[in-house]
N, C-alpha and C. Protein backbone atom coordinates (compact mmCIF):
# COMPACT_ATOMS: atom_id res chain seq x y z
N MET A 1 127.02 69.31 34.01
CA MET A 1 126.33 69.82 32.82
C MET A 1 125.46 71.01 33.20
N ARG A 2 125.61 72.12 32.51
CA ARG A 2 124.84 73.31 32.79
C ARG A 2 123.59 73.37 31.91
N GLY A 3 122.66 74.24 32.36
CA GLY A 3 121.45 74.40 31.58
C GLY A 3 121.70 75.23 30.33
N ARG A 4 120.66 75.34 29.53
CA ARG A 4 120.73 76.08 28.26
C ARG A 4 119.96 77.39 28.40
N ARG A 5 120.61 78.50 28.03
CA ARG A 5 119.96 79.80 28.13
C ARG A 5 118.76 79.88 27.17
N VAL A 6 117.68 80.47 27.67
CA VAL A 6 116.48 80.67 26.85
C VAL A 6 115.99 82.10 27.07
N THR A 7 115.13 82.55 26.18
CA THR A 7 114.57 83.90 26.28
C THR A 7 113.10 83.82 26.68
N ILE A 8 112.78 84.44 27.82
CA ILE A 8 111.39 84.47 28.30
C ILE A 8 111.09 85.91 28.73
N ALA A 9 110.19 86.56 28.04
CA ALA A 9 109.82 87.94 28.38
C ALA A 9 108.77 87.92 29.49
N CYS A 10 108.98 88.73 30.53
CA CYS A 10 108.04 88.75 31.66
C CYS A 10 106.62 89.10 31.21
N GLU A 11 106.51 90.04 30.27
CA GLU A 11 105.17 90.47 29.85
C GLU A 11 104.42 89.37 29.13
N ASP A 12 105.14 88.40 28.56
CA ASP A 12 104.50 87.30 27.85
C ASP A 12 104.47 86.00 28.66
N CYS A 13 104.98 86.04 29.90
CA CYS A 13 105.07 84.85 30.73
C CYS A 13 103.68 84.30 31.05
N GLN A 14 103.48 83.02 30.79
CA GLN A 14 102.17 82.40 30.99
C GLN A 14 101.81 82.22 32.46
N VAL A 15 102.83 82.27 33.36
CA VAL A 15 102.55 82.08 34.79
C VAL A 15 102.73 83.37 35.57
N LYS A 16 102.83 84.50 34.87
CA LYS A 16 103.05 85.79 35.52
C LYS A 16 102.01 86.08 36.59
N ASP A 17 100.74 85.82 36.26
CA ASP A 17 99.66 86.19 37.16
C ASP A 17 99.60 85.33 38.42
N ILE A 18 100.19 84.12 38.38
CA ILE A 18 100.17 83.27 39.57
C ILE A 18 101.51 83.28 40.31
N SER A 19 102.49 83.99 39.77
CA SER A 19 103.79 84.09 40.43
C SER A 19 103.76 85.25 41.42
N LYS A 20 104.77 85.32 42.26
CA LYS A 20 104.85 86.41 43.24
C LYS A 20 105.16 87.75 42.57
N PHE A 21 105.57 87.71 41.31
CA PHE A 21 105.83 88.94 40.57
C PHE A 21 104.57 89.47 39.89
N GLY A 22 103.48 88.74 39.99
CA GLY A 22 102.26 89.12 39.29
C GLY A 22 101.67 90.44 39.76
N MET A 23 101.99 90.83 40.99
CA MET A 23 101.42 92.06 41.55
C MET A 23 102.20 93.32 41.16
N LEU A 24 103.34 93.14 40.49
CA LEU A 24 104.20 94.28 40.18
C LEU A 24 103.62 95.16 39.08
N CYS A 25 103.96 96.43 39.14
CA CYS A 25 103.57 97.35 38.07
C CYS A 25 104.45 97.09 36.85
N SER A 26 104.05 97.63 35.72
CA SER A 26 104.77 97.37 34.47
C SER A 26 106.21 97.87 34.53
N GLU A 27 106.44 98.98 35.25
CA GLU A 27 107.80 99.54 35.35
C GLU A 27 108.72 98.57 36.11
N ASP A 28 108.26 98.07 37.25
CA ASP A 28 109.07 97.13 38.03
C ASP A 28 109.27 95.83 37.26
N LEU A 29 108.24 95.40 36.56
CA LEU A 29 108.33 94.17 35.78
C LEU A 29 109.35 94.32 34.65
N ASP A 30 109.41 95.52 34.06
CA ASP A 30 110.39 95.78 33.01
C ASP A 30 111.81 95.70 33.56
N LYS A 31 112.01 96.20 34.78
CA LYS A 31 113.33 96.16 35.40
C LYS A 31 113.75 94.72 35.70
N ILE A 32 112.78 93.93 36.20
CA ILE A 32 113.06 92.51 36.45
C ILE A 32 113.43 91.83 35.13
N ASN A 33 112.66 92.12 34.10
CA ASN A 33 112.87 91.49 32.80
C ASN A 33 114.25 91.83 32.24
N TYR A 34 114.70 93.07 32.46
CA TYR A 34 115.99 93.51 31.93
C TYR A 34 117.16 92.84 32.65
N ASN A 35 117.01 92.61 33.95
CA ASN A 35 118.12 92.12 34.77
C ASN A 35 118.15 90.61 34.96
N LYS A 36 117.08 89.92 34.63
CA LYS A 36 117.01 88.47 34.88
C LYS A 36 117.69 87.69 33.76
N SER A 37 117.93 86.42 34.04
CA SER A 37 118.39 85.48 33.01
C SER A 37 117.55 84.22 33.14
N CYS A 38 117.32 83.54 32.03
CA CYS A 38 116.45 82.36 32.02
C CYS A 38 117.21 81.16 31.47
N THR A 39 116.97 80.01 32.08
CA THR A 39 117.71 78.81 31.74
C THR A 39 116.78 77.61 31.66
N ALA A 40 117.01 76.76 30.68
CA ALA A 40 116.29 75.48 30.55
C ALA A 40 117.18 74.38 31.12
N TYR A 41 116.63 73.60 32.02
CA TYR A 41 117.35 72.49 32.64
C TYR A 41 116.70 71.17 32.25
N LYS A 42 117.54 70.15 32.08
CA LYS A 42 117.04 68.81 31.81
C LYS A 42 116.70 68.11 33.13
N LYS A 43 115.87 67.08 33.03
CA LYS A 43 115.53 66.27 34.20
C LYS A 43 116.81 65.79 34.88
N GLY A 44 116.86 65.97 36.20
CA GLY A 44 118.01 65.52 36.98
C GLY A 44 119.07 66.58 37.21
N GLN A 45 119.00 67.70 36.48
CA GLN A 45 119.97 68.76 36.70
C GLN A 45 119.62 69.56 37.95
N VAL A 46 120.63 70.01 38.67
CA VAL A 46 120.44 70.76 39.91
C VAL A 46 120.46 72.25 39.60
N ILE A 47 119.48 72.96 40.13
CA ILE A 47 119.39 74.41 39.93
C ILE A 47 120.22 75.12 40.98
N PHE A 48 120.13 74.71 42.24
CA PHE A 48 121.04 75.20 43.28
C PHE A 48 121.22 74.12 44.34
N HIS A 49 122.36 74.19 45.02
CA HIS A 49 122.75 73.16 45.99
C HIS A 49 122.58 73.65 47.43
N GLU A 50 122.25 72.71 48.28
CA GLU A 50 122.21 72.96 49.72
C GLU A 50 123.58 73.47 50.20
N ASP A 51 123.54 74.41 51.16
CA ASP A 51 124.74 74.96 51.80
C ASP A 51 125.60 75.82 50.88
N THR A 52 125.00 76.35 49.81
CA THR A 52 125.69 77.34 48.98
C THR A 52 125.05 78.71 49.22
N ARG A 53 125.81 79.75 48.94
CA ARG A 53 125.33 81.11 49.22
C ARG A 53 124.41 81.60 48.11
N PRO A 54 123.24 82.11 48.47
CA PRO A 54 122.30 82.59 47.44
C PRO A 54 122.77 83.88 46.79
N LEU A 55 122.72 83.89 45.48
CA LEU A 55 123.09 85.07 44.71
C LEU A 55 121.87 85.75 44.10
N GLY A 56 120.70 85.17 44.33
CA GLY A 56 119.47 85.71 43.79
C GLY A 56 118.33 84.73 44.04
N VAL A 57 117.23 84.92 43.33
CA VAL A 57 116.06 84.06 43.49
C VAL A 57 115.70 83.42 42.15
N PHE A 58 114.95 82.35 42.22
CA PHE A 58 114.58 81.59 41.02
C PHE A 58 113.06 81.51 40.90
N CYS A 59 112.55 81.89 39.76
CA CYS A 59 111.12 81.79 39.48
C CYS A 59 110.90 80.69 38.45
N VAL A 60 110.07 79.71 38.80
CA VAL A 60 109.84 78.57 37.91
C VAL A 60 108.85 78.98 36.82
N ASN A 61 109.30 78.92 35.58
CA ASN A 61 108.45 79.29 34.45
C ASN A 61 107.69 78.08 33.92
N ARG A 62 108.35 76.91 33.92
CA ARG A 62 107.71 75.71 33.37
C ARG A 62 108.33 74.47 34.02
N GLY A 63 107.49 73.49 34.33
CA GLY A 63 107.99 72.23 34.86
C GLY A 63 107.96 72.15 36.39
N ARG A 64 108.45 71.05 36.92
CA ARG A 64 108.42 70.78 38.36
C ARG A 64 109.81 70.41 38.86
N LEU A 65 110.08 70.81 40.09
CA LEU A 65 111.36 70.52 40.71
C LEU A 65 111.13 69.90 42.09
N LYS A 66 112.06 69.05 42.51
CA LYS A 66 111.99 68.55 43.88
C LYS A 66 112.94 69.36 44.74
N ILE A 67 112.45 69.77 45.89
CA ILE A 67 113.23 70.53 46.85
C ILE A 67 113.51 69.59 48.03
N TYR A 68 114.79 69.31 48.27
CA TYR A 68 115.10 68.31 49.28
C TYR A 68 116.30 68.70 50.13
N LYS A 69 116.36 68.07 51.30
CA LYS A 69 117.47 68.25 52.23
C LYS A 69 118.10 66.89 52.46
N THR A 70 119.41 66.85 52.46
CA THR A 70 120.14 65.60 52.66
C THR A 70 120.50 65.44 54.12
N GLY A 71 120.11 64.30 54.71
CA GLY A 71 120.38 64.03 56.11
C GLY A 71 121.81 63.58 56.35
N ASP A 72 122.15 63.42 57.62
CA ASP A 72 123.49 62.98 57.99
C ASP A 72 123.79 61.59 57.46
N ASP A 73 122.72 60.80 57.23
CA ASP A 73 122.91 59.44 56.73
C ASP A 73 123.01 59.40 55.20
N GLY A 74 122.95 60.58 54.58
CA GLY A 74 123.05 60.65 53.12
C GLY A 74 121.72 60.46 52.41
N LYS A 75 120.64 60.26 53.16
CA LYS A 75 119.32 60.04 52.56
C LYS A 75 118.63 61.39 52.36
N ASP A 76 117.98 61.54 51.21
CA ASP A 76 117.29 62.78 50.90
C ASP A 76 115.87 62.77 51.47
N GLN A 77 115.46 63.92 52.01
CA GLN A 77 114.08 64.11 52.44
C GLN A 77 113.48 65.21 51.58
N ILE A 78 112.54 64.85 50.71
CA ILE A 78 111.89 65.84 49.85
C ILE A 78 110.86 66.60 50.68
N ILE A 79 110.98 67.91 50.70
CA ILE A 79 110.09 68.72 51.52
C ILE A 79 109.10 69.54 50.69
N GLN A 80 109.32 69.58 49.37
CA GLN A 80 108.41 70.34 48.51
C GLN A 80 108.58 69.91 47.06
N ILE A 81 107.50 69.95 46.32
CA ILE A 81 107.56 69.83 44.86
C ILE A 81 107.17 71.21 44.32
N ALA A 82 108.14 71.91 43.74
CA ALA A 82 107.89 73.24 43.20
C ALA A 82 107.35 73.12 41.78
N LYS A 83 106.47 74.04 41.41
CA LYS A 83 105.85 74.01 40.09
C LYS A 83 105.84 75.40 39.49
N SER A 84 105.29 75.50 38.29
CA SER A 84 105.27 76.77 37.56
C SER A 84 104.68 77.89 38.43
N GLY A 85 105.38 79.01 38.46
CA GLY A 85 104.92 80.16 39.24
C GLY A 85 105.55 80.27 40.61
N ASP A 86 106.19 79.21 41.10
CA ASP A 86 106.79 79.24 42.43
C ASP A 86 108.10 80.03 42.42
N LEU A 87 108.37 80.70 43.54
CA LEU A 87 109.61 81.46 43.72
C LEU A 87 110.48 80.74 44.74
N LEU A 88 111.72 80.47 44.37
CA LEU A 88 112.62 79.68 45.20
C LEU A 88 113.82 80.51 45.65
N GLY A 89 114.25 80.27 46.88
CA GLY A 89 115.48 80.86 47.38
C GLY A 89 115.34 82.20 48.06
N TYR A 90 114.14 82.76 48.10
CA TYR A 90 114.02 84.12 48.63
C TYR A 90 114.15 84.17 50.15
N ARG A 91 113.73 83.12 50.85
CA ARG A 91 113.84 83.15 52.31
C ARG A 91 115.30 83.13 52.75
N ALA A 92 116.11 82.30 52.09
CA ALA A 92 117.54 82.24 52.44
C ALA A 92 118.22 83.56 52.12
N MET A 93 117.85 84.17 51.01
CA MET A 93 118.49 85.42 50.62
C MET A 93 118.12 86.55 51.57
N ILE A 94 116.83 86.63 51.93
CA ILE A 94 116.39 87.69 52.85
C ILE A 94 117.07 87.51 54.21
N GLY A 95 117.16 86.26 54.66
CA GLY A 95 117.77 85.99 55.96
C GLY A 95 119.28 85.96 55.93
N GLU A 96 119.86 86.16 54.74
CA GLU A 96 121.32 86.12 54.55
C GLU A 96 121.89 84.80 55.06
N ASP A 97 121.19 83.72 54.74
CA ASP A 97 121.61 82.38 55.11
C ASP A 97 122.05 81.63 53.86
N LEU A 98 122.66 80.47 54.06
CA LEU A 98 122.94 79.57 52.95
C LEU A 98 121.64 78.88 52.54
N TYR A 99 121.60 78.38 51.30
CA TYR A 99 120.44 77.60 50.91
C TYR A 99 120.33 76.39 51.84
N PRO A 100 119.19 76.19 52.49
CA PRO A 100 119.05 75.03 53.38
C PRO A 100 118.67 73.75 52.64
N VAL A 101 118.42 73.87 51.34
CA VAL A 101 117.93 72.75 50.54
C VAL A 101 118.58 72.75 49.17
N THR A 102 118.34 71.66 48.42
CA THR A 102 118.76 71.54 47.03
C THR A 102 117.52 71.53 46.14
N ALA A 103 117.61 72.16 44.97
CA ALA A 103 116.52 72.15 44.00
C ALA A 103 116.98 71.40 42.75
N GLU A 104 116.24 70.36 42.39
CA GLU A 104 116.62 69.51 41.25
C GLU A 104 115.41 69.30 40.34
N ALA A 105 115.64 69.35 39.04
CA ALA A 105 114.56 69.21 38.07
C ALA A 105 113.99 67.79 38.07
N LEU A 106 112.67 67.68 38.27
CA LEU A 106 111.99 66.39 38.17
C LEU A 106 111.68 66.04 36.73
N GLU A 107 111.65 67.05 35.90
CA GLU A 107 111.38 66.93 34.47
C GLU A 107 112.07 68.10 33.79
N ASP A 108 111.97 68.21 32.49
CA ASP A 108 112.55 69.38 31.82
C ASP A 108 111.86 70.64 32.33
N VAL A 109 112.66 71.62 32.75
CA VAL A 109 112.09 72.83 33.35
C VAL A 109 112.74 74.07 32.75
N GLN A 110 112.05 75.20 32.92
CA GLN A 110 112.60 76.51 32.58
C GLN A 110 112.50 77.39 33.82
N VAL A 111 113.61 78.00 34.18
CA VAL A 111 113.67 78.77 35.42
C VAL A 111 114.31 80.12 35.14
N CYS A 112 113.73 81.19 35.68
CA CYS A 112 114.28 82.53 35.54
C CYS A 112 115.00 82.92 36.84
N PHE A 113 116.19 83.49 36.69
CA PHE A 113 117.01 83.89 37.83
C PHE A 113 117.05 85.41 37.93
N VAL A 114 116.67 85.93 39.12
CA VAL A 114 116.71 87.37 39.37
C VAL A 114 117.84 87.64 40.36
N PRO A 115 118.85 88.42 39.98
CA PRO A 115 120.00 88.68 40.85
C PRO A 115 119.60 89.34 42.17
N LYS A 116 120.41 89.10 43.18
CA LYS A 116 120.13 89.59 44.54
C LYS A 116 119.94 91.11 44.57
N ASP A 117 120.81 91.87 43.93
CA ASP A 117 120.72 93.32 43.97
C ASP A 117 119.39 93.82 43.44
N GLU A 118 118.93 93.23 42.35
CA GLU A 118 117.67 93.65 41.76
C GLU A 118 116.50 93.27 42.66
N PHE A 119 116.56 92.09 43.25
CA PHE A 119 115.47 91.64 44.12
C PHE A 119 115.40 92.48 45.39
N VAL A 120 116.56 92.80 45.98
CA VAL A 120 116.60 93.63 47.18
C VAL A 120 116.07 95.03 46.87
N ARG A 121 116.47 95.58 45.71
CA ARG A 121 115.95 96.88 45.31
C ARG A 121 114.43 96.89 45.25
N LEU A 122 113.90 95.83 44.66
CA LEU A 122 112.45 95.72 44.53
C LEU A 122 111.77 95.68 45.89
N MET A 123 112.35 94.93 46.82
CA MET A 123 111.78 94.84 48.17
C MET A 123 111.82 96.18 48.88
N GLU A 124 112.91 96.91 48.69
CA GLU A 124 113.07 98.21 49.36
C GLU A 124 112.11 99.26 48.80
N GLU A 125 111.83 99.18 47.51
CA GLU A 125 111.01 100.20 46.87
C GLU A 125 109.52 99.88 46.90
N SER A 126 109.17 98.61 47.09
CA SER A 126 107.75 98.21 47.08
C SER A 126 107.36 97.62 48.42
N THR A 127 106.66 98.41 49.22
CA THR A 127 106.19 97.93 50.53
C THR A 127 105.22 96.79 50.38
N ASP A 128 104.33 96.88 49.39
CA ASP A 128 103.33 95.83 49.18
C ASP A 128 104.01 94.50 48.83
N PHE A 129 105.05 94.58 48.01
CA PHE A 129 105.77 93.37 47.61
C PHE A 129 106.46 92.75 48.83
N SER A 130 107.08 93.57 49.66
CA SER A 130 107.76 93.07 50.85
C SER A 130 106.77 92.43 51.83
N LYS A 131 105.61 93.06 52.02
CA LYS A 131 104.59 92.50 52.90
C LYS A 131 104.09 91.16 52.38
N MET A 132 103.91 91.08 51.06
CA MET A 132 103.44 89.83 50.46
C MET A 132 104.46 88.71 50.69
N LEU A 133 105.75 89.02 50.51
CA LEU A 133 106.79 88.02 50.72
C LEU A 133 106.83 87.54 52.16
N LEU A 134 106.68 88.47 53.10
CA LEU A 134 106.68 88.10 54.52
C LEU A 134 105.49 87.19 54.83
N LYS A 135 104.34 87.52 54.27
CA LYS A 135 103.16 86.70 54.47
C LYS A 135 103.36 85.30 53.88
N GLU A 136 103.93 85.24 52.68
CA GLU A 136 104.16 83.95 52.03
C GLU A 136 105.19 83.12 52.80
N ALA A 137 106.25 83.79 53.31
CA ALA A 137 107.27 83.09 54.07
C ALA A 137 106.67 82.46 55.33
N CYS A 138 105.80 83.20 56.00
CA CYS A 138 105.13 82.68 57.20
C CYS A 138 104.22 81.51 56.85
N HIS A 139 103.51 81.64 55.73
CA HIS A 139 102.61 80.57 55.29
C HIS A 139 103.40 79.30 54.97
N GLU A 140 104.52 79.45 54.26
CA GLU A 140 105.32 78.29 53.90
C GLU A 140 105.95 77.65 55.13
N LEU A 141 106.35 78.48 56.11
CA LEU A 141 106.89 77.95 57.36
C LEU A 141 105.84 77.14 58.09
N GLY A 142 104.59 77.63 58.08
CA GLY A 142 103.50 76.89 58.71
C GLY A 142 103.25 75.56 58.02
N MET A 143 103.34 75.53 56.69
CA MET A 143 103.14 74.29 55.95
C MET A 143 104.25 73.29 56.26
N MET A 144 105.50 73.79 56.37
CA MET A 144 106.61 72.91 56.69
C MET A 144 106.47 72.34 58.10
N THR A 145 106.00 73.18 59.04
CA THR A 145 105.77 72.71 60.40
C THR A 145 104.71 71.62 60.43
N GLU A 146 103.64 71.82 59.65
CA GLU A 146 102.57 70.82 59.58
C GLU A 146 103.10 69.52 58.98
N MET A 147 103.96 69.64 57.96
CA MET A 147 104.51 68.44 57.34
C MET A 147 105.37 67.66 58.33
N LEU A 148 106.20 68.37 59.10
CA LEU A 148 107.04 67.70 60.09
C LEU A 148 106.19 67.04 61.17
N THR A 149 105.09 67.70 61.53
CA THR A 149 104.18 67.10 62.51
C THR A 149 103.56 65.82 61.96
N ASN A 150 103.18 65.86 60.67
CA ASN A 150 102.62 64.66 60.04
C ASN A 150 103.61 63.52 60.03
N LEU A 151 104.87 63.85 59.72
CA LEU A 151 105.90 62.81 59.69
C LEU A 151 106.06 62.16 61.06
N ALA A 152 105.91 62.98 62.09
CA ALA A 152 106.13 62.48 63.44
C ALA A 152 104.93 61.72 63.99
N GLN A 153 103.72 62.10 63.61
CA GLN A 153 102.52 61.59 64.27
C GLN A 153 101.70 60.62 63.43
N LYS A 154 101.84 60.67 62.11
CA LYS A 154 101.02 59.81 61.26
C LYS A 154 101.76 58.52 60.92
N THR A 155 100.99 57.49 60.62
CA THR A 155 101.58 56.24 60.16
C THR A 155 102.07 56.42 58.73
N VAL A 156 102.85 55.47 58.24
CA VAL A 156 103.36 55.55 56.87
C VAL A 156 102.20 55.54 55.88
N ARG A 157 101.20 54.70 56.13
CA ARG A 157 100.03 54.62 55.25
C ARG A 157 99.31 55.97 55.19
N GLU A 158 99.17 56.62 56.35
CA GLU A 158 98.53 57.93 56.38
C GLU A 158 99.37 58.97 55.64
N ARG A 159 100.68 58.92 55.85
CA ARG A 159 101.56 59.90 55.19
C ARG A 159 101.53 59.73 53.67
N LEU A 160 101.46 58.49 53.20
CA LEU A 160 101.39 58.27 51.75
C LEU A 160 100.09 58.84 51.19
N ALA A 161 98.99 58.65 51.89
CA ALA A 161 97.71 59.19 51.44
C ALA A 161 97.76 60.71 51.36
N VAL A 162 98.31 61.35 52.39
CA VAL A 162 98.44 62.81 52.41
C VAL A 162 99.33 63.28 51.26
N SER A 163 100.43 62.58 51.03
CA SER A 163 101.36 62.95 49.97
C SER A 163 100.73 62.85 48.60
N LEU A 164 99.95 61.79 48.36
CA LEU A 164 99.28 61.62 47.07
C LEU A 164 98.26 62.73 46.82
N LEU A 165 97.56 63.15 47.86
CA LEU A 165 96.60 64.23 47.71
C LEU A 165 97.31 65.54 47.39
N MET A 166 98.44 65.77 48.04
CA MET A 166 99.23 66.97 47.76
C MET A 166 99.76 66.94 46.33
N LEU A 167 100.27 65.80 45.92
CA LEU A 167 100.85 65.68 44.58
C LEU A 167 99.77 65.76 43.50
N LYS A 168 98.57 65.31 43.82
CA LYS A 168 97.45 65.42 42.86
C LYS A 168 97.24 66.88 42.47
N ASP A 169 97.37 67.78 43.43
CA ASP A 169 97.22 69.20 43.15
C ASP A 169 98.42 69.74 42.39
N VAL A 170 99.62 69.30 42.77
CA VAL A 170 100.84 69.77 42.12
C VAL A 170 100.87 69.38 40.64
N TYR A 171 100.38 68.16 40.34
CA TYR A 171 100.44 67.64 38.97
C TYR A 171 99.16 67.89 38.18
N ARG A 172 98.25 68.68 38.73
CA ARG A 172 97.03 69.01 38.00
C ARG A 172 97.38 69.79 36.73
N ASP A 173 96.76 69.45 35.63
CA ASP A 173 96.96 70.13 34.36
C ASP A 173 96.22 71.46 34.41
N GLU A 174 96.97 72.57 34.43
CA GLU A 174 96.35 73.88 34.54
C GLU A 174 95.47 74.21 33.34
N GLU A 175 95.84 73.67 32.17
CA GLU A 175 95.06 73.95 30.97
C GLU A 175 93.80 73.09 30.90
N ASN A 176 93.85 71.91 31.53
CA ASN A 176 92.68 71.02 31.57
C ASN A 176 92.48 70.54 33.00
N PRO A 177 92.02 71.44 33.88
CA PRO A 177 91.94 71.13 35.31
C PRO A 177 90.96 70.02 35.66
N THR A 178 90.03 69.71 34.75
CA THR A 178 89.07 68.64 35.04
C THR A 178 89.64 67.25 34.75
N ASP A 179 90.76 67.19 34.02
CA ASP A 179 91.40 65.90 33.74
C ASP A 179 92.01 65.32 35.02
N ILE A 180 92.08 64.00 35.09
CA ILE A 180 92.70 63.35 36.24
C ILE A 180 94.20 63.62 36.22
N ALA A 181 94.71 64.15 37.33
CA ALA A 181 96.14 64.46 37.42
C ALA A 181 96.95 63.18 37.39
N GLN A 182 98.05 63.20 36.67
CA GLN A 182 98.95 62.06 36.59
C GLN A 182 100.24 62.38 37.33
N ILE A 183 100.39 61.79 38.51
CA ILE A 183 101.57 62.01 39.33
C ILE A 183 102.71 61.21 38.73
N ASN A 184 103.71 61.92 38.22
CA ASN A 184 104.77 61.27 37.46
C ASN A 184 106.10 61.43 38.19
N MET A 185 106.41 60.48 39.05
CA MET A 185 107.69 60.51 39.76
C MET A 185 108.10 59.10 40.16
N THR A 186 109.37 58.93 40.40
CA THR A 186 109.87 57.61 40.76
C THR A 186 109.36 57.21 42.13
N ARG A 187 109.34 55.92 42.37
CA ARG A 187 108.92 55.42 43.68
C ARG A 187 109.92 55.85 44.76
N GLU A 188 111.18 55.99 44.37
CA GLU A 188 112.19 56.45 45.33
C GLU A 188 111.92 57.88 45.77
N ASP A 189 111.58 58.76 44.80
CA ASP A 189 111.26 60.14 45.15
C ASP A 189 110.01 60.20 46.02
N LEU A 190 109.02 59.39 45.70
CA LEU A 190 107.80 59.36 46.51
C LEU A 190 108.12 58.90 47.93
N ALA A 191 108.99 57.91 48.05
CA ALA A 191 109.40 57.43 49.37
C ALA A 191 110.14 58.53 50.13
N ASN A 192 110.90 59.35 49.41
CA ASN A 192 111.63 60.44 50.06
C ASN A 192 110.71 61.58 50.49
N ILE A 193 109.53 61.65 49.92
CA ILE A 193 108.52 62.59 50.40
C ILE A 193 107.85 62.04 51.66
N VAL A 194 107.48 60.78 51.59
CA VAL A 194 106.76 60.14 52.69
C VAL A 194 107.67 59.92 53.90
N GLY A 195 108.96 59.71 53.62
CA GLY A 195 109.89 59.44 54.71
C GLY A 195 109.93 57.98 55.10
N THR A 196 110.05 57.11 54.08
CA THR A 196 110.07 55.68 54.35
C THR A 196 110.89 54.99 53.26
N ALA A 197 110.94 53.67 53.34
CA ALA A 197 111.70 52.90 52.35
C ALA A 197 110.90 52.77 51.05
N THR A 198 111.61 52.68 49.94
CA THR A 198 110.97 52.54 48.63
C THR A 198 110.09 51.29 48.59
N GLU A 199 110.57 50.19 49.17
CA GLU A 199 109.82 48.94 49.18
C GLU A 199 108.48 49.10 49.90
N THR A 200 108.47 49.91 50.95
CA THR A 200 107.23 50.13 51.70
C THR A 200 106.23 50.90 50.86
N VAL A 201 106.69 51.92 50.12
CA VAL A 201 105.81 52.69 49.25
C VAL A 201 105.22 51.80 48.17
N ILE A 202 106.04 50.95 47.57
CA ILE A 202 105.56 50.04 46.52
C ILE A 202 104.46 49.12 47.07
N ARG A 203 104.68 48.61 48.26
CA ARG A 203 103.68 47.71 48.86
C ARG A 203 102.37 48.46 49.16
N LEU A 204 102.48 49.66 49.70
CA LEU A 204 101.28 50.42 50.04
C LEU A 204 100.54 50.90 48.79
N LEU A 205 101.27 51.24 47.75
CA LEU A 205 100.61 51.61 46.49
C LEU A 205 99.81 50.44 45.93
N HIS A 206 100.37 49.24 46.07
CA HIS A 206 99.64 48.04 45.64
C HIS A 206 98.35 47.89 46.45
N ASP A 207 98.44 48.13 47.75
CA ASP A 207 97.24 48.06 48.60
C ASP A 207 96.22 49.10 48.18
N PHE A 208 96.67 50.32 47.88
CA PHE A 208 95.76 51.38 47.46
C PHE A 208 95.07 51.03 46.14
N LYS A 209 95.82 50.38 45.26
CA LYS A 209 95.22 49.94 43.99
C LYS A 209 94.14 48.89 44.25
N GLU A 210 94.42 47.95 45.13
CA GLU A 210 93.45 46.91 45.46
C GLU A 210 92.18 47.50 46.07
N GLU A 211 92.33 48.62 46.75
CA GLU A 211 91.19 49.29 47.39
C GLU A 211 90.52 50.30 46.46
N ASN A 212 90.98 50.35 45.20
CA ASN A 212 90.44 51.27 44.19
C ASN A 212 90.56 52.74 44.60
N LEU A 213 91.60 53.05 45.35
CA LEU A 213 91.88 54.44 45.70
C LEU A 213 92.68 55.12 44.59
N ILE A 214 93.51 54.35 43.91
CA ILE A 214 94.37 54.88 42.84
C ILE A 214 94.42 53.88 41.70
N LYS A 215 94.95 54.32 40.58
CA LYS A 215 95.35 53.41 39.52
C LYS A 215 96.71 53.86 39.03
N THR A 216 97.44 52.97 38.40
CA THR A 216 98.78 53.32 37.91
C THR A 216 98.92 52.94 36.45
N ASN A 217 99.82 53.68 35.78
CA ASN A 217 100.19 53.39 34.40
C ASN A 217 101.69 53.58 34.31
N GLY A 218 102.45 52.48 34.43
CA GLY A 218 103.89 52.61 34.58
C GLY A 218 104.18 53.22 35.93
N ARG A 219 104.95 54.28 35.93
CA ARG A 219 105.23 54.94 37.21
C ARG A 219 104.23 56.05 37.52
N LYS A 220 103.34 56.36 36.58
CA LYS A 220 102.33 57.39 36.79
C LYS A 220 101.23 56.89 37.73
N ILE A 221 100.79 57.77 38.63
CA ILE A 221 99.76 57.43 39.61
C ILE A 221 98.60 58.39 39.44
N MET A 222 97.38 57.86 39.36
CA MET A 222 96.18 58.68 39.28
C MET A 222 95.29 58.40 40.49
N VAL A 223 94.88 59.46 41.17
CA VAL A 223 93.99 59.34 42.32
C VAL A 223 92.56 59.17 41.83
N LEU A 224 91.93 58.08 42.23
CA LEU A 224 90.55 57.79 41.80
C LEU A 224 89.51 58.22 42.83
N ASP A 225 89.86 58.19 44.10
CA ASP A 225 88.89 58.47 45.16
C ASP A 225 89.54 59.36 46.23
N ALA A 226 89.56 60.65 45.96
CA ALA A 226 90.19 61.60 46.88
C ALA A 226 89.50 61.64 48.25
N PRO A 227 88.15 61.62 48.31
CA PRO A 227 87.50 61.66 49.63
C PRO A 227 87.91 60.48 50.53
N ARG A 228 88.05 59.30 49.94
CA ARG A 228 88.47 58.15 50.76
C ARG A 228 89.94 58.27 51.15
N LEU A 229 90.76 58.86 50.27
CA LEU A 229 92.17 59.09 50.64
C LEU A 229 92.27 60.08 51.79
N VAL A 230 91.37 61.06 51.82
CA VAL A 230 91.33 62.01 52.94
C VAL A 230 91.09 61.26 54.25
N LYS A 231 90.18 60.28 54.21
CA LYS A 231 89.91 59.49 55.41
C LYS A 231 91.11 58.61 55.78
N VAL A 232 91.72 58.01 54.74
CA VAL A 232 92.90 57.17 54.99
C VAL A 232 94.02 58.01 55.61
N GLY A 233 94.17 59.24 55.13
CA GLY A 233 95.21 60.12 55.64
C GLY A 233 94.90 60.73 56.98
N ASN A 234 93.67 60.47 57.46
CA ASN A 234 93.25 61.00 58.78
C ASN A 234 93.37 62.52 58.81
N ILE A 235 92.87 63.14 57.72
CA ILE A 235 92.92 64.59 57.58
C ILE A 235 91.62 65.20 58.07
N TYR A 236 91.75 66.20 58.90
CA TYR A 236 90.54 66.84 59.43
C TYR A 236 90.41 68.25 58.89
């Protein structure tokens, strides 16, 4: 099942200022707007698949996606939760590699696709844009390295605490930032972030509830005591 085409004008985009395209001049933004296409995807639909050749980049206009890699055992390891304003696929395209991951909608999302030729033109003509992308790529590589280190060195309980703190920021309501973030994802997806069995995550979430670190409403999780979760996660 394919997504549904939608119309989103760059000049009216609500996440323009927080996206990587926010620094562009109006002329470059007009060119992006003319050449891009926008699609609405339902929860569970895949935006791009691991090991396929990138034909462009994807800018998330609305909603959240899980970015994951499938291991040799067939188990998925979620390495990122992408949200509004995030740019996906640019590292693979710049490096002329295949997509190393799959992007799948965690909820109903809207995503804009910028073709490779247009994106490469923009990089060649804008030194500032190219420098920004290089800086962001290095930053994201550092974050991925830190995540892999956490997986290797932290206990499952610590990894769950770190993951909940990360997700609290991802699920924060941008329009009402003071409201308690509601982390809305399946226990299986959460386990695939932490790198453990679903049953283990369920048991540890119960423990966290007993310790008044979190509360739940169905599958939604709300962090009640972030400072104590920082200590549980052994974050310095």
